[in-house]
């Protein structure tokens, strides 16, 4: 890697795609990037998606996008939910390059 700073990539997408997140985390790490991801998989873990906790996690994820050089959207089967659409819009507003898993 040398003296060049590694790029920081933030993974965005539905937390129902845990396997895809884990594969992307692995692939991006092996590509020499720092990976920012979700802290938990709310859909799988049964988090109330209308709760204050979910709102807090959504805001926290926007701060991760702030730190990132680029965003990788985990859009398994082309699926992009409302939270992810919001994150993509936020990333675009802040000039972050966006890549798509699919």
Protein backbone atom coordinates (compact mmCIF):
# COMPACT_ATOMS: atom_id res chain seq x y z
CA UNK A 1 0.00 0.00 0.00
CA UNK A 2 2.93 2.37 0.49
CA UNK A 3 2.41 5.86 1.89
CA UNK A 4 -0.85 6.55 0.06
CA UNK A 5 -3.84 6.80 2.39
CA UNK A 6 -6.35 4.01 1.82
CA UNK A 7 -9.79 5.03 0.55
CA UNK A 8 -12.67 4.83 2.99
CA UNK A 9 -15.82 3.15 1.67
CA UNK A 10 -19.18 3.24 3.43
CA UNK A 11 -21.53 0.33 2.76
CA UNK A 12 -25.20 1.30 2.46
CA UNK A 13 -28.21 -0.94 1.91
CA UNK A 14 -30.90 -2.95 3.59
CA UNK A 15 -29.76 -4.75 6.72
CA UNK A 16 -31.65 -7.83 5.51
CA UNK A 17 -28.65 -8.56 3.22
CA UNK A 18 -26.17 -9.61 5.92
CA UNK A 19 -24.32 -12.11 3.71
CA UNK A 20 -23.85 -9.51 0.96
CA UNK A 21 -22.59 -6.98 3.52
CA UNK A 22 -20.08 -9.47 4.91
CA UNK A 23 -18.82 -10.37 1.42
CA UNK A 24 -18.52 -6.69 0.44
CA UNK A 25 -16.69 -5.94 3.70
CA UNK A 26 -14.24 -8.72 2.98
CA UNK A 27 -13.76 -7.81 -0.69
CA UNK A 28 -13.29 -4.09 0.00
CA UNK A 29 -10.87 -4.80 2.87
CA UNK A 30 -8.81 -7.12 0.66
CA UNK A 31 -8.78 -4.32 -1.95
CA UNK A 32 -6.98 -2.18 0.65
CA UNK A 33 -9.89 0.01 1.70
CA UNK A 34 -11.13 1.05 5.13
CA UNK A 35 -14.73 -0.14 5.40
CA UNK A 36 -17.49 1.61 7.34
CA UNK A 37 -20.59 -0.51 7.70
CA UNK A 38 -23.70 -0.99 9.78
CA UNK A 39 -23.23 -1.72 13.46
CA UNK A 40 -26.05 -4.25 13.53
CA UNK A 41 -28.45 -5.95 11.15
CA UNK A 42 -31.74 -4.51 12.36
CA UNK A 43 -34.03 -6.43 10.01
CA UNK A 44 -32.50 -9.78 11.01
CA UNK A 45 -32.17 -8.83 14.70
CA UNK A 46 -35.81 -7.74 14.96
CA UNK A 47 -35.23 -4.04 15.53
CA UNK A 48 -38.44 -1.99 15.42
CA UNK A 49 -37.90 -0.09 12.17
CA UNK A 50 -40.11 2.78 13.37
CA UNK A 51 -38.28 3.22 16.69
CA UNK A 52 -36.16 6.08 17.99
CA UNK A 53 -33.23 3.66 17.98
CA UNK A 54 -33.66 3.13 14.23
CA UNK A 55 -33.78 6.91 13.69
CA UNK A 56 -30.57 7.30 15.73
CA UNK A 57 -28.86 4.54 13.72
CA UNK A 58 -29.92 6.21 10.45
CA UNK A 59 -28.36 9.51 11.59
CA UNK A 60 -25.22 7.69 12.70
CA UNK A 61 -24.94 6.14 9.24
CA UNK A 62 -25.07 9.60 7.63
CA UNK A 63 -22.05 10.55 9.75
CA UNK A 64 -20.26 7.46 8.38
CA UNK A 65 -21.02 8.72 4.86
CA UNK A 66 -19.47 12.06 5.91
CA UNK A 67 -16.25 10.22 6.79
CA UNK A 68 -16.19 8.12 3.61
CA UNK A 69 -14.50 8.81 0.29
CA UNK A 70 -17.12 6.73 -1.53
CA UNK A 71 -20.31 4.74 -1.00
CA UNK A 72 -20.99 1.15 -2.06
CA UNK A 73 -24.71 0.37 -2.25
CA UNK A 74 -25.61 -3.21 -1.31
CA UNK A 75 -28.58 -3.52 -3.69
CA UNK A 76 -29.18 -7.28 -3.79
CA UNK A 77 -31.68 -8.07 -6.52
CA UNK A 78 -31.81 -4.35 -7.29
CA UNK A 79 -33.56 -3.65 -3.97
CA UNK A 80 -33.13 -0.15 -2.53
CA UNK A 81 -35.34 0.72 0.45
CA UNK A 82 -36.36 4.12 1.81
CA UNK A 83 -33.45 4.47 4.27
CA UNK A 84 -30.97 3.54 1.56
CA UNK A 85 -32.56 6.01 -0.90
CA UNK A 86 -32.11 8.70 1.74
CA UNK A 87 -28.45 7.73 2.23
CA UNK A 88 -27.82 7.76 -1.54
CA UNK A 89 -29.40 11.22 -1.81
CA UNK A 90 -27.28 12.43 1.10
CA UNK A 91 -24.11 11.00 -0.47
CA UNK A 92 -24.91 12.67 -3.81
CA UNK A 93 -25.57 16.02 -2.08
CA UNK A 94 -22.13 15.77 -0.49
CA UNK A 95 -20.31 14.78 -3.69
CA UNK A 96 -19.52 11.20 -2.69
CA UNK A 97 -18.94 8.79 -5.58
CA UNK A 98 -21.44 5.92 -5.52
CA UNK A 99 -20.84 2.37 -6.66
CA UNK A 100 -23.45 -0.37 -6.85
CA UNK A 101 -23.07 -4.02 -5.88
CA UNK A 102 -25.48 -4.95 -8.69
